[in-house]
C-alpha atoms as a PDB file:
ATOM      1  CA  MET A   1     -90.620 129.471 -97.955  1.00  0.00           C
ATOM      2  CA  THR A   2     -92.891 130.536 -95.059  1.00  0.00           C
ATOM      3  CA  ALA A   3     -91.751 132.965 -92.405  1.00  0.00           C
ATOM      4  CA  ARG A   4     -90.774 131.572 -88.993  1.00  0.00           C
ATOM      5  CA  THR A   5     -91.876 133.422 -85.815  1.00  0.00           C
ATOM      6  CA  LYS A   6     -89.372 133.865 -83.039  1.00  0.00           C
ATOM      7  CA  LEU A   7     -91.726 131.546 -81.125  1.00  0.00           C
ATOM      8  CA  LEU A   8     -91.126 128.569 -83.462  1.00  0.00           C
ATOM      9  CA  THR A   9     -87.229 129.100 -83.740  1.00  0.00           C
ATOM     10  CA  THR A  10     -86.482 129.975 -80.163  1.00  0.00           C
ATOM     11  CA  PRO A  11     -89.443 129.460 -77.774  1.00  0.00           C
ATOM     12  CA  PRO A  12     -89.243 130.371 -74.116  1.00  0.00           C
ATOM     13  CA  TYR A  13     -87.306 127.786 -72.157  1.00  0.00           C
ATOM     14  CA  ALA A  14     -90.407 126.714 -70.151  1.00  0.00           C
ATOM     15  CA  VAL A  15     -92.399 126.332 -73.272  1.00  0.00           C
ATOM     16  CA  GLU A  16     -89.742 124.293 -74.959  1.00  0.00           C
ATOM     17  CA  GLN A  17     -89.486 121.979 -72.005  1.00  0.00           C
ATOM     18  CA  SER A  18     -93.323 121.541 -71.713  1.00  0.00           C
ATOM     19  CA  LEU A  19     -93.525 120.632 -75.402  1.00  0.00           C
ATOM     20  CA  LYS A  20     -90.769 118.048 -75.025  1.00  0.00           C
ATOM     21  CA  ARG A  21     -92.459 116.637 -71.985  1.00  0.00           C
ATOM     22  CA  LEU A  22     -95.917 116.310 -73.798  1.00  0.00           C
ATOM     23  CA  GLY A  23     -94.097 114.677 -76.646  1.00  0.00           C
ATOM     24  CA  ALA A  24     -92.324 112.142 -74.507  1.00  0.00           C
ATOM     25  CA  ASP A  25     -95.656 111.480 -72.755  1.00  0.00           C
ATOM     26  CA  LEU A  26     -97.577 110.916 -76.094  1.00  0.00           C
ATOM     27  CA  ARG A  27     -94.777 108.536 -77.124  1.00  0.00           C
ATOM     28  CA  THR A  28     -95.057 106.557 -73.795  1.00  0.00           C
ATOM     29  CA  ALA A  29     -98.899 106.498 -74.071  1.00  0.00           C
ATOM     30  CA  ARG A  30     -98.670 105.412 -77.720  1.00  0.00           C
ATOM     31  CA  LEU A  31     -95.997 102.603 -76.772  1.00  0.00           C
ATOM     32  CA  ARG A  32     -98.281 101.458 -73.794  1.00  0.00           C
ATOM     33  CA  ARG A  33    -101.107 100.922 -76.363  1.00  0.00           C
ATOM     34  CA  ASN A  34     -98.809  98.845 -78.549  1.00  0.00           C
ATOM     35  CA  LEU A  35     -99.474 101.348 -81.380  1.00  0.00           C
ATOM     36  CA  THR A  36     -97.021 102.172 -84.049  1.00  0.00           C
ATOM     37  CA  ILE A  37     -96.416 105.692 -85.371  1.00  0.00           C
ATOM     38  CA  GLU A  38     -98.081 104.532 -88.571  1.00  0.00           C
ATOM     39  CA  ASP A  39    -101.334 103.479 -86.460  1.00  0.00           C
ATOM     40  CA  VAL A  40    -101.625 106.889 -84.996  1.00  0.00           C
ATOM     41  CA  ALA A  41    -100.784 108.668 -88.275  1.00  0.00           C
ATOM     42  CA  GLY A  42    -103.355 106.811 -89.989  1.00  0.00           C
ATOM     43  CA  LYS A  43    -106.030 107.327 -87.327  1.00  0.00           C
ATOM     44  CA  ILE A  44    -105.619 111.067 -87.217  1.00  0.00           C
ATOM     45  CA  GLY A  45    -104.902 111.542 -91.104  1.00  0.00           C
ATOM     46  CA  THR A  46    -101.254 112.706 -91.312  1.00  0.00           C
ATOM     47  CA  GLY A  47     -98.001 111.734 -92.115  1.00  0.00           C
ATOM     48  CA  LEU A  48     -95.324 109.696 -90.022  1.00  0.00           C
ATOM     49  CA  ARG A  49     -93.038 112.697 -89.678  1.00  0.00           C
ATOM     50  CA  THR A  50     -96.019 114.762 -88.299  1.00  0.00           C
ATOM     51  CA  VAL A  51     -96.442 112.413 -85.397  1.00  0.00           C
ATOM     52  CA  SER A  52     -92.873 111.979 -84.924  1.00  0.00           C
ATOM     53  CA  ASP A  53     -92.216 115.704 -84.686  1.00  0.00           C
ATOM     54  CA  ALA A  54     -95.070 115.871 -82.179  1.00  0.00           C
ATOM     55  CA  GLU A  55     -93.343 113.044 -79.918  1.00  0.00           C
ATOM     56  CA  LYS A  56     -90.136 115.122 -80.072  1.00  0.00           C
ATOM     57  CA  GLY A  57     -91.968 118.161 -79.026  1.00  0.00           C
ATOM     58  CA  LYS A  58     -91.229 120.416 -81.854  1.00  0.00           C
ATOM     59  CA  PRO A  59     -92.708 123.870 -81.449  1.00  0.00           C
ATOM     60  CA  SER A  60     -93.657 123.985 -85.299  1.00  0.00           C
ATOM     61  CA  THR A  61     -96.186 121.201 -84.817  1.00  0.00           C
ATOM     62  CA  THR A  62     -99.747 122.599 -84.516  1.00  0.00           C
ATOM     63  CA  VAL A  63    -101.926 122.217 -81.646  1.00  0.00           C
ATOM     64  CA  ALA A  64    -104.447 120.434 -83.890  1.00  0.00           C
ATOM     65  CA  VAL A  65    -101.916 117.569 -84.255  1.00  0.00           C
ATOM     66  CA  TYR A  66    -101.179 117.452 -80.593  1.00  0.00           C
ATOM     67  CA  THR A  67    -105.006 117.398 -79.865  1.00  0.00           C
ATOM     68  CA  ALA A  68    -105.616 114.769 -82.586  1.00  0.00           C
ATOM     69  CA  ILE A  69    -102.745 112.498 -81.194  1.00  0.00           C
ATOM     70  CA  LEU A  70    -104.548 112.931 -77.634  1.00  0.00           C
ATOM     71  CA  TRP A  71    -107.780 111.881 -79.277  1.00  0.00           C
ATOM     72  CA  ALA A  72    -106.324 108.902 -81.043  1.00  0.00           C
ATOM     73  CA  LEU A  73    -104.844 107.619 -77.634  1.00  0.00           C
ATOM     74  CA  ASP A  74    -108.204 108.312 -75.874  1.00  0.00           C
ATOM     75  CA  LEU A  75    -106.682 110.968 -73.697  1.00  0.00           C
ATOM     76  CA  LEU A  76    -108.609 114.217 -74.804  1.00  0.00           C
ATOM     77  CA  SER A  77    -110.642 114.171 -71.835  1.00  0.00           C
ATOM     78  CA  GLN A  78    -107.743 114.914 -69.760  1.00  0.00           C
ATOM     79  CA  LEU A  79    -107.058 118.014 -71.985  1.00  0.00           C
ATOM     80  CA  ASP A  80    -110.669 119.231 -71.418  1.00  0.00           C
ATOM     81  CA  GLU A  81    -110.120 119.086 -67.661  1.00  0.00           C
ATOM     82  CA  VAL A  82    -107.157 121.219 -67.806  1.00  0.00           C
ATOM     83  CA  ALA A  83    -108.694 123.886 -69.967  1.00  0.00           C
ATOM     84  CA  ARG A  84    -111.921 124.301 -67.588  1.00  0.00           C
ATOM     85  CA  PRO A  85    -112.281 127.857 -66.307  1.00  0.00           C
ATOM     86  CA  GLU A  86    -113.246 126.568 -62.927  1.00  0.00           C
ATOM     87  CA  ASN A  87    -109.977 124.831 -62.760  1.00  0.00           C
ATOM     88  CA  ASP A  88    -108.080 128.040 -62.995  1.00  0.00           C
ATOM     89  CA  ALA A  89    -107.511 129.286 -59.586  1.00  0.00           C
ATOM     90  CA  GLU A  90    -105.228 132.125 -60.352  1.00  0.00           C
ATOM     91  CA  GLY A  91    -107.701 133.430 -63.016  1.00  0.00           C
ATOM     92  CA  GLN A  92    -110.616 133.239 -60.684  1.00  0.00           C
ATOM     93  CA  SER A  93    -108.508 135.327 -58.001  1.00  0.00           C
ATOM     94  CA  LEU A  94    -107.668 137.869 -60.626  1.00  0.00           C
ATOM     95  CA  ALA A  95    -111.314 138.159 -61.795  1.00  0.00           C
ATOM     96  CA  LEU A  96    -112.449 138.486 -58.206  1.00  0.00           C
ATOM     97  CA  ALA A  97    -109.981 141.275 -57.460  1.00  0.00           C
ATOM     98  CA  LYS A  98    -111.240 143.301 -60.513  1.00  0.00           C
ATOM     99  CA  GLU A  99    -114.845 143.054 -59.375  1.00  0.00           C
ATOM    100  CA  ARG A 100    -116.316 146.234 -57.977  1.00  0.00           C
ATOM    101  CA  GLY A 101    -117.089 146.126 -54.280  1.00  0.00           C
ATOM    102  CA  ARG A 102    -120.699 146.322 -53.169  1.00  0.00           C
ATOM    103  CA  ALA A 103    -122.071 149.903 -53.635  1.00  0.00           C
ATOM    104  CA  ARG A 104    -123.867 151.301 -50.743  1.00  0.00           C
ATOM    105  CA  ALA A 105    -127.526 151.423 -51.073  1.00  0.00           C
ATOM    106  CA  ARG A 106    -128.975 154.567 -52.101  1.00  0.00           C
ATOM    107  CA  THR A 107    -131.195 156.332 -49.420  1.00  0.00           C
ATOM    108  CA  GLU A 108    -133.772 158.610 -50.369  1.00  0.00           C
ATOM    109  CA  LEU A 109    -133.416 162.091 -48.727  1.00  0.00           C
ATOM    110  CA  SER A 110    -136.522 163.234 -46.907  1.00  0.00           C
ATOM    111  CA  ASN A 111    -137.940 166.840 -47.563  1.00  0.00           C
ATOM    112  CA  ASP A 112    -139.282 166.785 -44.170  1.00  0.00           C
ATOM    113  CA  PHE A 113    -136.790 168.947 -41.991  1.00  0.00           C
END
């Protein structure tokens, strides 16, 4: 039996809710495309249970499965937009705060006094 991390057994509430929302959104997208779980599982090369677990938002489902389902539903470009560094306003602000301020220009001292 593999060891389970605390993240998989009791994830933070916000993470758990986000996974459930993602799973529900994936299910809605699949149904809107009139695809069955079998269709999606076959396209990404996994079993029915794996797709079902992803649609339930189970934390033990790998990010590769979620990404593959997004690909199968032709939604992968939306994930690419979320992960772009230029869309990370908070990260940009933190990076700017860490940058050194402009240093004063060095002036050469004259020996003529």
